[in-house]
Amino acid sequence: MIIPQINFLCYNWVLKKLRSSRMDLGDLLKIGASMIQNDSQESTSGLSGDLISSALGSLLGSKDGGLDLSSIVGNLSNGDLGDVVASWIGSGENKAIDPDATEELLGSDKIEEFAQNLGVDVETAKNSLSEALPNLVDQATNEDSSLAGDLLEKVGGVSGLMDIAGKLFKS
């Protein structure tokens, strides 16, 4: 049976990530701000890193000050987004996300608020997020991140992670 094997692999992956924790949310937001400042959107290149970090924190932050990965993970079963987000968490190549899919992933209200916080239009915000999100989630779940523990907590512990893994690999 493939699901127990996937559960075991996911459990081992999470343990590995939790043991090698070093990056915090502030570091991740700075990386995201730099990505957005240097993306293909002309109107974001002149924005301050602090402004972008603050907007990203509002978009992706949780009430307890951590990263709200549940907003991303919670939409994994929508269409092809599961495969896309799984590629960001895995160690291989990060799959691209269509700018319009960022709205499906995070919600139109959050995208609009993010755009307002930056002082850009919604399309620019979606384009910037489509370029930054794959790398942000990848960084949040890489070997140097302390945010893997947040991911585990946000999805309901190991059992929640196993449930998500089951959805990802379900035909």
Protein backbone atom coordinates (compact mmCIF):
# COMPACT_ATOMS: atom_id res chain seq x y z
CA MET A 1 0.00 0.00 0.00
CA ILE A 2 1.46 3.35 -1.05
CA ILE A 3 -0.16 5.70 1.54
CA PRO A 4 1.70 4.29 4.60
CA GLN A 5 4.96 4.62 2.67
CA ILE A 6 4.11 8.24 1.81
CA ASN A 7 3.16 8.88 5.44
CA PHE A 8 6.49 7.50 6.62
CA LEU A 9 8.40 9.56 4.06
CA CYS A 10 6.50 12.75 4.98
CA TYR A 11 7.06 12.12 8.68
CA ASN A 12 10.81 11.64 8.11
CA TRP A 13 10.95 14.77 5.95
CA VAL A 14 9.28 16.86 8.67
CA LEU A 15 11.60 15.50 11.36
CA LYS A 16 14.63 16.31 9.20
CA LYS A 17 13.36 19.84 8.66
CA LEU A 18 12.67 20.36 12.36
CA ARG A 19 16.15 19.22 13.36
CA SER A 20 17.97 21.64 11.09
CA SER A 21 16.14 24.87 11.93
CA ARG A 22 17.84 28.25 11.54
CA MET A 23 15.80 30.74 9.44
CA ASP A 24 13.03 32.78 11.10
CA LEU A 25 10.02 34.66 9.72
CA GLY A 26 11.83 38.01 9.62
CA ASP A 27 14.58 36.54 7.46
CA LEU A 28 12.01 35.00 5.14
CA LEU A 29 10.10 38.28 4.76
CA LYS A 30 13.35 40.08 3.88
CA ILE A 31 14.09 37.47 1.23
CA GLY A 32 10.56 37.87 -0.15
CA ALA A 33 10.91 41.65 -0.18
CA SER A 34 14.14 41.39 -2.13
CA MET A 35 12.51 39.01 -4.64
CA ILE A 36 9.63 41.43 -5.20
CA GLN A 37 11.95 44.45 -5.51
CA ASN A 38 13.90 42.59 -8.19
CA ASP A 39 11.01 40.92 -10.03
CA SER A 40 9.78 41.74 -13.53
CA GLN A 41 7.23 44.30 -12.27
CA GLU A 42 8.52 47.82 -12.86
CA SER A 43 6.24 49.36 -10.22
CA THR A 44 7.67 47.21 -7.41
CA SER A 45 11.35 47.95 -8.03
CA GLY A 46 11.26 51.30 -6.23
CA LEU A 47 9.39 50.08 -3.15
CA SER A 48 11.23 49.89 0.16
CA GLY A 49 12.15 46.50 1.54
CA ASP A 50 10.49 47.36 4.85
CA LEU A 51 7.19 48.21 3.10
CA ILE A 52 7.22 44.95 1.15
CA SER A 53 8.22 42.92 4.23
CA SER A 54 5.35 44.46 6.17
CA ALA A 55 2.87 43.75 3.36
CA LEU A 56 4.11 40.16 3.07
CA GLY A 57 3.83 39.76 6.83
CA SER A 58 0.21 40.93 6.66
CA LEU A 59 -0.47 38.59 3.74
CA LEU A 60 1.27 35.47 5.00
CA GLY A 61 1.59 36.04 8.74
CA SER A 62 -0.49 34.37 11.39
CA LYS A 63 -2.01 35.96 14.49
CA ASP A 64 0.70 34.39 16.66
CA GLY A 65 3.50 36.00 14.63
CA GLY A 66 4.44 32.94 12.58
CA LEU A 67 3.97 32.12 8.94
CA ASP A 68 0.36 31.20 8.09
CA LEU A 69 1.12 28.30 5.81
CA SER A 70 -2.38 26.99 6.44
CA SER A 71 -3.70 29.57 3.97
CA ILE A 72 -1.52 27.98 1.32
CA VAL A 73 -1.73 24.36 2.46
CA GLY A 74 -5.49 24.62 3.00
CA ASN A 75 -6.06 25.08 -0.73
CA LEU A 76 -3.86 22.21 -1.90
CA SER A 77 -6.79 20.17 -3.15
CA ASN A 78 -7.94 22.90 -5.57
CA GLY A 79 -7.21 21.83 -9.14
CA ASP A 80 -3.53 21.54 -9.98
CA LEU A 81 -2.38 23.66 -7.05
CA GLY A 82 -1.49 20.60 -4.99
CA ASP A 83 1.21 19.58 -7.45
CA VAL A 84 2.47 23.15 -7.74
CA VAL A 85 2.75 23.77 -3.99
CA ALA A 86 4.20 20.28 -3.41
CA SER A 87 7.02 21.19 -5.81
CA TRP A 88 7.81 24.24 -3.68
CA ILE A 89 8.06 22.11 -0.55
CA GLY A 90 10.05 19.35 -2.20
CA SER A 91 13.73 19.45 -3.05
CA GLY A 92 13.31 19.54 -6.84
CA GLU A 93 12.48 22.30 -9.28
CA ASN A 94 9.80 24.76 -8.14
CA LYS A 95 6.82 24.76 -10.50
CA ALA A 96 5.54 28.16 -11.60
CA ILE A 97 2.15 29.43 -10.49
CA ASP A 98 -0.09 31.45 -12.76
CA PRO A 99 -0.70 34.96 -11.38
CA ASP A 100 -4.47 34.33 -11.31
CA ALA A 101 -3.90 31.15 -9.29
CA THR A 102 -2.35 33.22 -6.48
CA GLU A 103 -5.84 34.61 -5.95
CA GLU A 104 -7.25 31.09 -5.77
CA LEU A 105 -4.49 30.09 -3.36
CA LEU A 106 -4.59 33.07 -0.99
CA GLY A 107 -7.99 34.66 -1.60
CA SER A 108 -8.93 37.79 -3.52
CA ASP A 109 -9.42 39.84 -0.35
CA LYS A 110 -5.87 39.12 0.81
CA ILE A 111 -4.45 39.90 -2.63
CA GLU A 112 -6.35 43.21 -2.72
CA GLU A 113 -5.10 44.13 0.76
CA PHE A 114 -1.54 43.23 -0.26
CA ALA A 115 -1.83 45.43 -3.36
CA GLN A 116 -3.21 48.33 -1.28
CA ASN A 117 -0.41 47.96 1.27
CA LEU A 118 2.14 48.23 -1.54
CA GLY A 119 0.29 50.95 -3.44
CA VAL A 120 0.14 48.89 -6.64
CA ASP A 121 -2.73 47.48 -8.68
CA VAL A 122 -4.04 43.95 -8.08
CA GLU A 123 -2.54 42.59 -11.32
CA THR A 124 0.92 43.79 -10.32
CA ALA A 125 0.47 42.23 -6.87
CA LYS A 126 -0.60 38.89 -8.39
CA ASN A 127 2.34 38.93 -10.82
CA SER A 128 4.82 39.72 -8.05
CA LEU A 129 3.40 37.03 -5.80
CA SER A 130 3.46 34.46 -8.60
CA GLU A 131 7.19 35.11 -8.93
CA ALA A 132 7.96 35.23 -5.19
CA LEU A 133 5.69 32.56 -3.63
CA PRO A 134 7.46 29.48 -5.02
CA ASN A 135 10.78 30.65 -3.60
CA LEU A 136 9.27 31.86 -0.32
CA VAL A 137 7.60 28.53 0.42
CA ASP A 138 10.75 26.71 -0.73
CA GLN A 139 12.86 28.83 1.63
CA ALA A 140 10.37 28.35 4.48
CA THR A 141 10.66 24.59 4.17
CA ASN A 142 14.34 24.18 3.32
CA GLU A 143 17.04 22.74 5.56
CA ASP A 144 17.93 26.13 7.08
CA SER A 145 14.38 27.12 8.07
CA SER A 146 12.88 27.18 11.55
CA LEU A 147 9.48 27.58 9.90
CA ALA A 148 9.05 23.87 9.16
CA GLY A 149 7.79 23.48 12.73
CA ASP A 150 5.21 26.17 12.02
CA LEU A 151 4.14 24.24 8.93
CA LEU A 152 3.67 21.10 10.96
CA GLU A 153 1.68 22.96 13.62
CA LYS A 154 -0.50 24.80 11.07
CA VAL A 155 -1.57 21.62 9.29
CA GLY A 156 -2.60 19.86 12.49
CA GLY A 157 0.58 17.99 13.38
CA VAL A 158 1.84 14.83 11.77
CA SER A 159 -1.69 13.48 11.24
CA GLY A 160 -2.70 16.67 9.41
CA LEU A 161 0.39 16.43 7.24
CA MET A 162 -0.43 12.82 6.45
CA ASP A 163 -3.97 13.82 5.46
CA ILE A 164 -2.56 16.44 3.08
CA ALA A 165 -0.07 13.94 1.67
CA GLY A 166 -2.95 11.56 1.04
CA LYS A 167 -4.81 14.27 -0.89
CA LEU A 168 -1.74 15.12 -2.94
CA PHE A 169 -1.13 11.56 -4.03
CA LYS A 170 -4.76 10.54 -4.47
CA SER A 171 -5.71 9.77 -8.05
